[in-house]
Full PDB file with SEQRES, HELIX, SHEET, SSBOND, CRYST1, ORIGX, SCALE, CONECT and MASTER records, all heavy atoms in Angstrom:
SEQRES   1 A   38  ARG SER PRO PHE ASP ARG MET ARG GLU ALA GLY PHE ARG          
SEQRES   2 A   38  GLY CYS ALA MET GLY GLU ASN ILE ALA ALA GLY GLN PRO          
SEQRES   3 A   38  THR PRO ARG SER VAL MET ASP ASP TRP LEU GLN SER              
HELIX    1 AA1 PRO A    3  GLU A    9  1                                   7    
HELIX    2 AA2 PRO A   28  LEU A   36  1                                   9    
CRYST1    1.000    1.000    1.000  90.00  90.00  90.00 P 1           1          
ORIGX1      1.000000  0.000000  0.000000        0.00000                         
ORIGX2      0.000000  1.000000  0.000000        0.00000                         
ORIGX3      0.000000  0.000000  1.000000        0.00000                         
SCALE1      1.000000  0.000000  0.000000        0.00000                         
SCALE2      0.000000  1.000000  0.000000        0.00000                         
SCALE3      0.000000  0.000000  1.000000        0.00000                         
ATOM      1  N   ARG A   1     256.915  80.708-126.569  1.00  0.00           N  
ATOM      2  CA  ARG A   1     255.897  79.672-126.768  1.00  0.00           C  
ATOM      3  C   ARG A   1     255.606  78.950-125.460  1.00  0.00           C  
ATOM      4  O   ARG A   1     256.501  78.643-124.691  1.00  0.00           O  
ATOM      5  CB  ARG A   1     256.349  78.680-127.835  1.00  0.00           C  
ATOM      6  CG  ARG A   1     256.137  79.153-129.253  1.00  0.00           C  
ATOM      7  CD  ARG A   1     256.781  78.216-130.266  1.00  0.00           C  
ATOM      8  NE  ARG A   1     258.223  78.215-130.117  1.00  0.00           N  
ATOM      9  CZ  ARG A   1     258.962  77.107-130.080  1.00  0.00           C  
ATOM     10  NH1 ARG A   1     258.398  75.929-130.164  1.00  0.00           N  
ATOM     11  NH2 ARG A   1     260.268  77.197-129.956  1.00  0.00           N  
ATOM     12  N   SER A   2     254.336  78.636-125.240  1.00  0.00           N  
ATOM     13  CA  SER A   2     253.910  77.942-124.031  1.00  0.00           C  
ATOM     14  C   SER A   2     254.054  76.432-124.212  1.00  0.00           C  
ATOM     15  O   SER A   2     254.225  75.941-125.334  1.00  0.00           O  
ATOM     16  CB  SER A   2     252.442  78.273-123.742  1.00  0.00           C  
ATOM     17  OG  SER A   2     251.602  77.611-124.675  1.00  0.00           O  
ATOM     18  N   PRO A   3     253.941  75.683-123.101  1.00  0.00           N  
ATOM     19  CA  PRO A   3     253.914  74.220-123.241  1.00  0.00           C  
ATOM     20  C   PRO A   3     252.804  73.760-124.172  1.00  0.00           C  
ATOM     21  O   PRO A   3     252.969  72.786-124.908  1.00  0.00           O  
ATOM     22  CB  PRO A   3     253.674  73.736-121.807  1.00  0.00           C  
ATOM     23  CG  PRO A   3     254.166  74.825-120.939  1.00  0.00           C  
ATOM     24  CD  PRO A   3     253.880  76.095-121.686  1.00  0.00           C  
ATOM     25  N   PHE A   4     251.675  74.487-124.161  1.00  0.00           N  
ATOM     26  CA  PHE A   4     250.524  74.085-124.953  1.00  0.00           C  
ATOM     27  C   PHE A   4     250.749  74.348-126.438  1.00  0.00           C  
ATOM     28  O   PHE A   4     250.266  73.602-127.291  1.00  0.00           O  
ATOM     29  CB  PHE A   4     249.284  74.795-124.407  1.00  0.00           C  
ATOM     30  CG  PHE A   4     249.280  74.828-122.900  1.00  0.00           C  
ATOM     31  CD1 PHE A   4     249.243  76.028-122.215  1.00  0.00           C  
ATOM     32  CD2 PHE A   4     249.390  73.654-122.172  1.00  0.00           C  
ATOM     33  CE1 PHE A   4     249.279  76.058-120.829  1.00  0.00           C  
ATOM     34  CE2 PHE A   4     249.428  73.665-120.781  1.00  0.00           C  
ATOM     35  CZ  PHE A   4     249.377  74.875-120.099  1.00  0.00           C  
ATOM     36  N   ASP A   5     251.505  75.402-126.765  1.00  0.00           N  
ATOM     37  CA  ASP A   5     251.924  75.612-128.155  1.00  0.00           C  
ATOM     38  C   ASP A   5     252.749  74.417-128.630  1.00  0.00           C  
ATOM     39  O   ASP A   5     252.547  73.908-129.737  1.00  0.00           O  
ATOM     40  CB  ASP A   5     252.769  76.879-128.281  1.00  0.00           C  
ATOM     41  CG  ASP A   5     251.965  78.163-128.122  1.00  0.00           C  
ATOM     42  OD1 ASP A   5     250.786  78.177-128.517  1.00  0.00           O  
ATOM     43  OD2 ASP A   5     252.516  79.140-127.597  1.00  0.00           O  
ATOM     44  N   ARG A   6     253.699  73.991-127.803  1.00  0.00           N  
ATOM     45  CA  ARG A   6     254.577  72.891-128.211  1.00  0.00           C  
ATOM     46  C   ARG A   6     253.800  71.586-128.368  1.00  0.00           C  
ATOM     47  O   ARG A   6     254.038  70.817-129.308  1.00  0.00           O  
ATOM     48  CB  ARG A   6     255.704  72.722-127.180  1.00  0.00           C  
ATOM     49  CG  ARG A   6     256.651  73.914-127.106  1.00  0.00           C  
ATOM     50  CD  ARG A   6     257.866  73.613-126.243  1.00  0.00           C  
ATOM     51  NE  ARG A   6     257.526  73.344-124.852  1.00  0.00           N  
ATOM     52  CZ  ARG A   6     257.482  74.260-123.888  1.00  0.00           C  
ATOM     53  NH1 ARG A   6     257.744  75.538-124.183  1.00  0.00           N  
ATOM     54  NH2 ARG A   6     257.185  73.929-122.648  1.00  0.00           N  
ATOM     55  N   MET A   7     252.863  71.335-127.462  1.00  0.00           N  
ATOM     56  CA  MET A   7     252.080  70.104-127.559  1.00  0.00           C  
ATOM     57  C   MET A   7     251.203  70.110-128.805  1.00  0.00           C  
ATOM     58  O   MET A   7     251.073  69.098-129.494  1.00  0.00           O  
ATOM     59  CB  MET A   7     251.225  69.925-126.303  1.00  0.00           C  
ATOM     60  CG  MET A   7     252.026  69.664-125.042  1.00  0.00           C  
ATOM     61  SD  MET A   7     250.949  69.442-123.592  1.00  0.00           S  
ATOM     62  CE  MET A   7     251.976  70.215-122.322  1.00  0.00           C  
ATOM     63  N   ARG A   8     250.608  71.256-129.113  1.00  0.00           N  
ATOM     64  CA  ARG A   8     249.778  71.350-130.321  1.00  0.00           C  
ATOM     65  C   ARG A   8     250.633  71.212-131.576  1.00  0.00           C  
ATOM     66  O   ARG A   8     250.226  70.595-132.555  1.00  0.00           O  
ATOM     67  CB  ARG A   8     249.013  72.678-130.329  1.00  0.00           C  
ATOM     68  CG  ARG A   8     247.951  72.790-129.233  1.00  0.00           C  
ATOM     69  CD  ARG A   8     247.219  74.114-129.319  1.00  0.00           C  
ATOM     70  NE  ARG A   8     246.207  74.246-128.276  1.00  0.00           N  
ATOM     71  CZ  ARG A   8     246.315  75.033-127.207  1.00  0.00           C  
ATOM     72  NH1 ARG A   8     247.406  75.766-127.036  1.00  0.00           N  
ATOM     73  NH2 ARG A   8     245.353  75.089-126.312  1.00  0.00           N  
ATOM     74  N   GLU A   9     251.813  71.825-131.560  1.00  0.00           N  
ATOM     75  CA  GLU A   9     252.691  71.716-132.733  1.00  0.00           C  
ATOM     76  C   GLU A   9     253.127  70.277-132.960  1.00  0.00           C  
ATOM     77  O   GLU A   9     253.331  69.847-134.094  1.00  0.00           O  
ATOM     78  CB  GLU A   9     253.920  72.616-132.559  1.00  0.00           C  
ATOM     79  CG  GLU A   9     254.688  72.841-133.848  1.00  0.00           C  
ATOM     80  CD  GLU A   9     256.117  72.368-133.775  1.00  0.00           C  
ATOM     81  OE1 GLU A   9     256.819  72.690-132.807  1.00  0.00           O  
ATOM     82  OE2 GLU A   9     256.551  71.659-134.725  1.00  0.00           O  
ATOM     83  N   ALA A  10     253.233  69.511-131.861  1.00  0.00           N  
ATOM     84  CA  ALA A  10     253.579  68.092-131.985  1.00  0.00           C  
ATOM     85  C   ALA A  10     252.421  67.267-132.517  1.00  0.00           C  
ATOM     86  O   ALA A  10     252.604  66.092-132.848  1.00  0.00           O  
ATOM     87  CB  ALA A  10     254.019  67.552-130.622  1.00  0.00           C  
ATOM     88  N   GLY A  11     251.220  67.873-132.590  1.00  0.00           N  
ATOM     89  CA  GLY A  11     250.059  67.182-133.137  1.00  0.00           C  
ATOM     90  C   GLY A  11     249.075  66.699-132.104  1.00  0.00           C  
ATOM     91  O   GLY A  11     248.112  66.010-132.441  1.00  0.00           O  
ATOM     92  N   PHE A  12     249.274  67.065-130.830  1.00  0.00           N  
ATOM     93  CA  PHE A  12     248.339  66.626-129.802  1.00  0.00           C  
ATOM     94  C   PHE A  12     247.063  67.456-129.886  1.00  0.00           C  
ATOM     95  O   PHE A  12     247.118  68.680-129.947  1.00  0.00           O  
ATOM     96  CB  PHE A  12     248.958  66.752-128.412  1.00  0.00           C  
ATOM     97  CG  PHE A  12     248.067  66.241-127.313  1.00  0.00           C  
ATOM     98  CD1 PHE A  12     247.820  64.882-127.208  1.00  0.00           C  
ATOM     99  CD2 PHE A  12     247.465  67.110-126.419  1.00  0.00           C  
ATOM    100  CE1 PHE A  12     246.970  64.394-126.215  1.00  0.00           C  
ATOM    101  CE2 PHE A  12     246.623  66.636-125.425  1.00  0.00           C  
ATOM    102  CZ  PHE A  12     246.382  65.272-125.322  1.00  0.00           C  
ATOM    103  N   ARG A  13     245.896  66.784-129.845  1.00  0.00           N  
ATOM    104  CA  ARG A  13     244.625  67.465-130.052  1.00  0.00           C  
ATOM    105  C   ARG A  13     243.760  67.527-128.793  1.00  0.00           C  
ATOM    106  O   ARG A  13     242.632  67.971-128.843  1.00  0.00           O  
ATOM    107  CB  ARG A  13     243.821  66.753-131.158  1.00  0.00           C  
ATOM    108  CG  ARG A  13     244.528  66.691-132.516  1.00  0.00           C  
ATOM    109  CD  ARG A  13     244.728  68.078-133.090  1.00  0.00           C  
ATOM    110  NE  ARG A  13     245.110  68.032-134.477  1.00  0.00           N  
ATOM    111  CZ  ARG A  13     246.361  68.009-134.925  1.00  0.00           C  
ATOM    112  NH1 ARG A  13     247.374  68.019-134.040  1.00  0.00           N  
ATOM    113  NH2 ARG A  13     246.641  67.969-136.209  1.00  0.00           N  
ATOM    114  N   GLY A  14     244.272  67.074-127.657  1.00  0.00           N  
ATOM    115  CA  GLY A  14     243.462  67.034-126.447  1.00  0.00           C  
ATOM    116  C   GLY A  14     243.161  68.414-125.893  1.00  0.00           C  
ATOM    117  O   GLY A  14     243.788  69.415-126.241  1.00  0.00           O  
ATOM    118  N   CYS A  15     242.181  68.473-124.986  1.00  0.00           N  
ATOM    119  CA  CYS A  15     241.786  69.739-124.363  1.00  0.00           C  
ATOM    120  C   CYS A  15     242.496  69.963-123.045  1.00  0.00           C  
ATOM    121  O   CYS A  15     242.707  71.102-122.648  1.00  0.00           O  
ATOM    122  CB  CYS A  15     240.291  69.753-124.122  1.00  0.00           C  
ATOM    123  SG  CYS A  15     239.336  70.034-125.611  1.00  0.00           S  
ATOM    124  N   ALA A  16     242.794  68.901-122.310  1.00  0.00           N  
ATOM    125  CA  ALA A  16     243.457  69.033-121.012  1.00  0.00           C  
ATOM    126  C   ALA A  16     244.948  68.806-121.194  1.00  0.00           C  
ATOM    127  O   ALA A  16     245.371  67.806-121.765  1.00  0.00           O  
ATOM    128  CB  ALA A  16     242.888  68.017-120.023  1.00  0.00           C  
ATOM    129  N   MET A  17     245.755  69.763-120.724  1.00  0.00           N  
ATOM    130  CA  MET A  17     247.200  69.658-120.858  1.00  0.00           C  
ATOM    131  C   MET A  17     247.882  70.156-119.602  1.00  0.00           C  
ATOM    132  O   MET A  17     247.381  71.070-118.942  1.00  0.00           O  
ATOM    133  CB  MET A  17     247.699  70.464-122.063  1.00  0.00           C  
ATOM    134  CG  MET A  17     247.301  69.866-123.406  1.00  0.00           C  
ATOM    135  SD  MET A  17     247.772  70.922-124.810  1.00  0.00           S  
ATOM    136  CE  MET A  17     246.376  72.034-124.841  1.00  0.00           C  
ATOM    137  N   GLY A  18     249.007  69.580-119.262  1.00  0.00           N  
ATOM    138  CA  GLY A  18     249.789  70.030-118.124  1.00  0.00           C  
ATOM    139  C   GLY A  18     251.247  69.713-118.340  1.00  0.00           C  
ATOM    140  O   GLY A  18     251.589  68.864-119.167  1.00  0.00           O  
ATOM    141  N   GLU A  19     252.098  70.383-117.598  1.00  0.00           N  
ATOM    142  CA  GLU A  19     253.538  70.144-117.738  1.00  0.00           C  
ATOM    143  C   GLU A  19     254.229  70.224-116.379  1.00  0.00           C  
ATOM    144  O   GLU A  19     253.962  71.128-115.581  1.00  0.00           O  
ATOM    145  CB  GLU A  19     254.159  71.165-118.692  1.00  0.00           C  
ATOM    146  CG  GLU A  19     255.672  71.006-118.848  1.00  0.00           C  
ATOM    147  CD  GLU A  19     256.263  71.901-119.915  1.00  0.00           C  
ATOM    148  OE1 GLU A  19     256.287  71.480-121.101  1.00  0.00           O  
ATOM    149  OE2 GLU A  19     256.693  73.027-119.561  1.00  0.00           O  
ATOM    150  N   ASN A  20     255.114  69.284-116.105  1.00  0.00           N  
ATOM    151  CA  ASN A  20     256.054  69.329-114.991  1.00  0.00           C  
ATOM    152  C   ASN A  20     257.461  69.407-115.567  1.00  0.00           C  
ATOM    153  O   ASN A  20     257.764  68.709-116.551  1.00  0.00           O  
ATOM    154  CB  ASN A  20     255.970  68.073-114.122  1.00  0.00           C  
ATOM    155  CG  ASN A  20     254.753  68.031-113.229  1.00  0.00           C  
ATOM    156  OD1 ASN A  20     254.083  69.043-113.031  1.00  0.00           O  
ATOM    157  ND2 ASN A  20     254.457  66.869-112.683  1.00  0.00           N  
ATOM    158  N   ILE A  21     258.325  70.223-114.976  1.00  0.00           N  
ATOM    159  CA  ILE A  21     259.729  70.242-115.370  1.00  0.00           C  
ATOM    160  C   ILE A  21     260.600  70.196-114.123  1.00  0.00           C  
ATOM    161  O   ILE A  21     260.169  70.580-113.032  1.00  0.00           O  
ATOM    162  CB  ILE A  21     260.093  71.474-116.236  1.00  0.00           C  
ATOM    163  CG1 ILE A  21     259.892  72.789-115.456  1.00  0.00           C  
ATOM    164  CG2 ILE A  21     259.291  71.485-117.529  1.00  0.00           C  
ATOM    165  CD1 ILE A  21     260.335  74.028-116.247  1.00  0.00           C  
ATOM    166  N   ALA A  22     261.813  69.701-114.289  1.00  0.00           N  
ATOM    167  CA  ALA A  22     262.774  69.655-113.190  1.00  0.00           C  
ATOM    168  C   ALA A  22     264.162  69.546-113.791  1.00  0.00           C  
ATOM    169  O   ALA A  22     264.332  69.158-114.954  1.00  0.00           O  
ATOM    170  CB  ALA A  22     262.493  68.469-112.264  1.00  0.00           C  
ATOM    171  N   ALA A  23     265.172  69.871-112.995  1.00  0.00           N  
ATOM    172  CA  ALA A  23     266.560  69.752-113.462  1.00  0.00           C  
ATOM    173  C   ALA A  23     267.454  69.406-112.281  1.00  0.00           C  
ATOM    174  O   ALA A  23     267.240  69.876-111.165  1.00  0.00           O  
ATOM    175  CB  ALA A  23     267.029  71.054-114.099  1.00  0.00           C  
ATOM    176  N   GLY A  24     268.459  68.568-112.552  1.00  0.00           N  
ATOM    177  CA  GLY A  24     269.459  68.251-111.558  1.00  0.00           C  
ATOM    178  C   GLY A  24     269.301  66.896-110.903  1.00  0.00           C  
ATOM    179  O   GLY A  24     270.260  66.368-110.337  1.00  0.00           O  
ATOM    180  N   GLN A  25     268.113  66.298-110.962  1.00  0.00           N  
ATOM    181  CA  GLN A  25     267.923  64.995-110.326  1.00  0.00           C  
ATOM    182  C   GLN A  25     268.581  63.910-111.169  1.00  0.00           C  
ATOM    183  O   GLN A  25     268.377  63.855-112.380  1.00  0.00           O  
ATOM    184  CB  GLN A  25     266.427  64.697-110.142  1.00  0.00           C  
ATOM    185  CG  GLN A  25     265.711  65.645-109.192  1.00  0.00           C  
ATOM    186  CD  GLN A  25     265.304  66.958-109.833  1.00  0.00           C  
ATOM    187  OE1 GLN A  25     265.590  67.204-111.006  1.00  0.00           O  
ATOM    188  NE2 GLN A  25     264.624  67.812-109.084  1.00  0.00           N  
ATOM    189  N   PRO A  26     269.345  62.997-110.558  1.00  0.00           N  
ATOM    190  CA  PRO A  26     270.121  62.032-111.335  1.00  0.00           C  
ATOM    191  C   PRO A  26     269.356  60.800-111.793  1.00  0.00           C  
ATOM    192  O   PRO A  26     269.812  60.103-112.705  1.00  0.00           O  
ATOM    193  CB  PRO A  26     271.244  61.634-110.370  1.00  0.00           C  
ATOM    194  CG  PRO A  26     270.624  61.790-109.012  1.00  0.00           C  
ATOM    195  CD  PRO A  26     269.703  62.983-109.127  1.00  0.00           C  
ATOM    196  N   THR A  27     268.206  60.503-111.181  1.00  0.00           N  
ATOM    197  CA  THR A  27     267.498  59.262-111.499  1.00  0.00           C  
ATOM    198  C   THR A  27     265.995  59.509-111.590  1.00  0.00           C  
ATOM    199  O   THR A  27     265.469  60.483-111.033  1.00  0.00           O  
ATOM    200  CB  THR A  27     267.728  58.193-110.418  1.00  0.00           C  
ATOM    201  OG1 THR A  27     267.135  58.643-109.181  1.00  0.00           O  
ATOM    202  CG2 THR A  27     269.223  57.926-110.223  1.00  0.00           C  
ATOM    203  N   PRO A  28     265.266  58.611-112.259  1.00  0.00           N  
ATOM    204  CA  PRO A  28     263.804  58.730-112.288  1.00  0.00           C  
ATOM    205  C   PRO A  28     263.189  58.731-110.892  1.00  0.00           C  
ATOM    206  O   PRO A  28     262.251  59.481-110.627  1.00  0.00           O  
ATOM    207  CB  PRO A  28     263.371  57.502-113.094  1.00  0.00           C  
ATOM    208  CG  PRO A  28     264.527  57.235-114.011  1.00  0.00           C  
ATOM    209  CD  PRO A  28     265.738  57.528-113.169  1.00  0.00           C  
ATOM    210  N   ARG A  29     263.691  57.910-110.010  1.00  0.00           N  
ATOM    211  CA  ARG A  29     263.147  57.864-108.651  1.00  0.00           C  
ATOM    212  C   ARG A  29     263.322  59.195-107.933  1.00  0.00           C  
ATOM    213  O   ARG A  29     262.405  59.675-107.259  1.00  0.00           O  
ATOM    214  CB  ARG A  29     263.835  56.754-107.859  1.00  0.00           C  
ATOM    215  CG  ARG A  29     263.423  56.672-106.398  1.00  0.00           C  
ATOM    216  CD  ARG A  29     262.000  56.187-106.228  1.00  0.00           C  
ATOM    217  NE  ARG A  29     261.847  54.814-106.673  1.00  0.00           N  
ATOM    218  CZ  ARG A  29     260.717  54.111-106.583  1.00  0.00           C  
ATOM    219  NH1 ARG A  29     259.637  54.720-106.092  1.00  0.00           N  
ATOM    220  NH2 ARG A  29     260.645  52.862-106.999  1.00  0.00           N  
ATOM    221  N   SER A  30     264.488  59.818-108.088  1.00  0.00           N  
ATOM    222  CA  SER A  30     264.729  61.079-107.377  1.00  0.00           C  
ATOM    223  C   SER A  30     263.861  62.210-107.915  1.00  0.00           C  
ATOM    224  O   SER A  30     263.351  63.030-107.146  1.00  0.00           O  
ATOM    225  CB  SER A  30     266.216  61.457-107.437  1.00  0.00           C  
ATOM    226  OG  SER A  30     266.644  61.664-108.769  1.00  0.00           O  
ATOM    227  N   VAL A  31     263.668  62.270-109.232  1.00  0.00           N  
ATOM    228  CA  VAL A  31     262.824  63.342-109.767  1.00  0.00           C  
ATOM    229  C   VAL A  31     261.366  63.111-109.380  1.00  0.00           C  
ATOM    230  O   VAL A  31     260.636  64.050-109.062  1.00  0.00           O  
ATOM    231  CB  VAL A  31     263.001  63.498-111.298  1.00  0.00           C  
ATOM    232  CG1 VAL A  31     262.307  62.391-112.075  1.00  0.00           C  
ATOM    233  CG2 VAL A  31     262.479  64.861-111.747  1.00  0.00           C  
ATOM    234  N   MET A  32     260.925  61.851-109.370  1.00  0.00           N  
ATOM    235  CA  MET A  32     259.559  61.566-108.966  1.00  0.00           C  
ATOM    236  C   MET A  32     259.334  61.902-107.501  1.00  0.00           C  
ATOM    237  O   MET A  32     258.282  62.434-107.129  1.00  0.00           O  
ATOM    238  CB  MET A  32     259.230  60.095-109.249  1.00  0.00           C  
ATOM    239  CG  MET A  32     258.937  59.799-110.716  1.00  0.00           C  
ATOM    240  SD  MET A  32     257.433  60.631-111.324  1.00  0.00           S  
ATOM    241  CE  MET A  32     256.202  59.900-110.252  1.00  0.00           C  
ATOM    242  N   ASP A  33     260.306  61.605-106.650  1.00  0.00           N  
ATOM    243  CA  ASP A  33     260.185  61.943-105.229  1.00  0.00           C  
ATOM    244  C   ASP A  33     260.021  63.458-105.060  1.00  0.00           C  
ATOM    245  O   ASP A  33     259.190  63.921-104.266  1.00  0.00           O  
ATOM    246  CB  ASP A  33     261.416  61.459-104.459  1.00  0.00           C  
ATOM    247  CG  ASP A  33     261.426  59.945-104.255  1.00  0.00           C  
ATOM    248  OD1 ASP A  33     260.377  59.311-104.452  1.00  0.00           O  
ATOM    249  OD2 ASP A  33     262.493  59.408-103.892  1.00  0.00           O  
ATOM    250  N   ASP A  34     260.810  64.230-105.808  1.00  0.00           N  
ATOM    251  CA  ASP A  34     260.721  65.685-105.709  1.00  0.00           C  
ATOM    252  C   ASP A  34     259.377  66.189-106.212  1.00  0.00           C  
ATOM    253  O   ASP A  34     258.751  67.070-105.601  1.00  0.00           O  
ATOM    254  CB  ASP A  34     261.858  66.345-106.490  1.00  0.00           C  
ATOM    255  CG  ASP A  34     263.186  66.289-105.748  1.00  0.00           C  
ATOM    256  OD1 ASP A  34     263.183  65.954-104.548  1.00  0.00           O  
ATOM    257  OD2 ASP A  34     264.214  66.592-106.375  1.00  0.00           O  
ATOM    258  N   TRP A  35     258.920  65.665-107.347  1.00  0.00           N  
ATOM    259  CA  TRP A  35     257.626  66.095-107.875  1.00  0.00           C  
ATOM    260  C   TRP A  35     256.491  65.764-106.911  1.00  0.00           C  
ATOM    261  O   TRP A  35     255.584  66.567-106.695  1.00  0.00           O  
ATOM    262  CB  TRP A  35     257.369  65.454-109.238  1.00  0.00           C  
ATOM    263  CG  TRP A  35     257.997  66.167-110.386  1.00  0.00           C  
ATOM    264  CD1 TRP A  35     258.270  67.504-110.476  1.00  0.00           C  
ATOM    265  CD2 TRP A  35     258.405  65.592-111.632  1.00  0.00           C  
ATOM    266  NE1 TRP A  35     258.830  67.791-111.714  1.00  0.00           N  
ATOM    267  CE2 TRP A  35     258.923  66.644-112.435  1.00  0.00           C  
ATOM    268  CE3 TRP A  35     258.394  64.302-112.152  1.00  0.00           C  
ATOM    269  CZ2 TRP A  35     259.419  66.435-113.723  1.00  0.00           C  
ATOM    270  CZ3 TRP A  35     258.883  64.087-113.437  1.00  0.00           C  
ATOM    271  CH2 TRP A  35     259.391  65.150-114.208  1.00  0.00           C  
ATOM    272  N   LEU A  36     256.516  64.579-106.317  1.00  0.00           N  
ATOM    273  CA  LEU A  36     255.444  64.170-105.423  1.00  0.00           C  
ATOM    274  C   LEU A  36     255.424  64.988-104.135  1.00  0.00           C  
ATOM    275  O   LEU A  36     254.389  65.109-103.482  1.00  0.00           O  
ATOM    276  CB  LEU A  36     255.560  62.677-105.109  1.00  0.00           C  
ATOM    277  CG  LEU A  36     255.122  61.739-106.246  1.00  0.00           C  
ATOM    278  CD1 LEU A  36     255.559  60.314-105.957  1.00  0.00           C  
ATOM    279  CD2 LEU A  36     253.604  61.799-106.452  1.00  0.00           C  
ATOM    280  N   GLN A  37     256.556  65.561-103.763  1.00  0.00           N  
ATOM    281  CA  GLN A  37     256.625  66.385-102.565  1.00  0.00           C  
ATOM    282  C   GLN A  37     256.246  67.843-102.829  1.00  0.00           C  
ATOM    283  O   GLN A  37     256.138  68.639-101.893  1.00  0.00           O  
ATOM    284  CB  GLN A  37     258.038  66.315-101.968  1.00  0.00           C  
ATOM    285  CG  GLN A  37     258.381  64.944-101.387  1.00  0.00           C  
ATOM    286  CD  GLN A  37     259.837  64.798-101.023  1.00  0.00           C  
ATOM    287  OE1 GLN A  37     260.542  65.793-100.838  1.00  0.00           O  
ATOM    288  NE2 GLN A  37     260.302  63.560-100.923  1.00  0.00           N  
ATOM    289  N   SER A  38     256.036  68.187-104.086  1.00  0.00           N  
ATOM    290  CA  SER A  38     255.642  69.543-104.475  1.00  0.00           C  
ATOM    291  C   SER A  38     254.154  69.524-104.821  1.00  0.00           C  
ATOM    292  O   SER A  38     253.743  68.820-105.750  1.00  0.00           O  
ATOM    293  CB  SER A  38     256.456  69.996-105.690  1.00  0.00           C  
ATOM    294  OG  SER A  38     255.947  71.193-106.232  1.00  0.00           O  
TER     295      SER A  38                                                      
MASTER        0    0    0    2    0    0    0    6  294    1    0    3          
END                                                                             
């Protein structure tokens, strides 16, 4: 199943969808720093 399958199954009806994932970062600040650098 894709991220969009999961979002639709949750009941989301929007047309624009996106997903970011990460693992290993210990804090919100650290994961955001990594995402912003990618």
